[in-house]
Amino acid sequence: MTRARTGDAGLSLVEVLVSLAIFAVIGVAGLAILNTVARTGERTEGRLERLAEIDRAFLIIRRDLAQIAPSEITLDGDVLVFRRANADGRVALAFRIEDTTLTRRVGDTGSGPVDQHLLSQTTAAQWRLLDGSQDWHTLWPPADGSTTGRPLAAELTLKLRRADADMPEVVTRLFPLPAGQGR
C-alpha cells in the first residue's frame, strides 16, 4: 500500500529555483570579496617593497654621513660629495641623480669609481647643510664665506615618481652630522 502524499511533503520547482538564486548571489558576492582582497594585497605588497627600498637607501646614506670627514664636504644643490672614514683611510663618496635613479658613487676603490644604484624612480634630489648659525645652505662651502666651521646636519629632499599617481611624492630626511655633535 502506498500512502497518500500531502501537499507539504516535497519542494516545488519555484522553491528550488529561489534557493539556487540565493546561493548564486552568495557565491558571486564571495568571489567579489575575494577578488578585492587579492587586489588590495598586491597593491600593499608593491607599496611595502617601495617603502623598503626607500628605507634601505636612507640607511646607507645615514651610515655614510655618520662617518663623514667634516673638512672635506662639497655641496652643489643636488650633488653631495664628501670623504668618509674607512679602515683603509678615507673613501670619496658622492650622491647624485642619474637617469631617475639616486646613485652613490664610491671612489678610491683601486679600480676606479663604483656606482651603486640606491633608489629608482627618483626625479629630483635637493641637499641642504645646516651651519652653526642655524642657516641652511645649498652650496658648501658657502660662496660668500659666511660661515666658518662644520655643518651640523644634512637634509635630503627626494621627489619620487609613483606609478599610480601623476604627482610625485616628496620625502625629506634630516641627518645629524658627527662634526656638529658635542659642540
Foldseek 3Di string as FASTA:
>chain_A
DDDDDDPPPDDDPVVVVVVVVVVVVVVVVVVVVVVVVVVVVVVVVVVVVQVVLVVQLVVVVLVQLQQFDFVAWWAAFAKIWTWGQDPVGIWIWMWHDDPQFTWIWIAPPVVGIDIDTRHHQWDGKTKWFAAPVRDIDRTPPDPVNPGDFGTQKMKMKIFGDDPVDPGTDIDMDIHGGPRNPPD
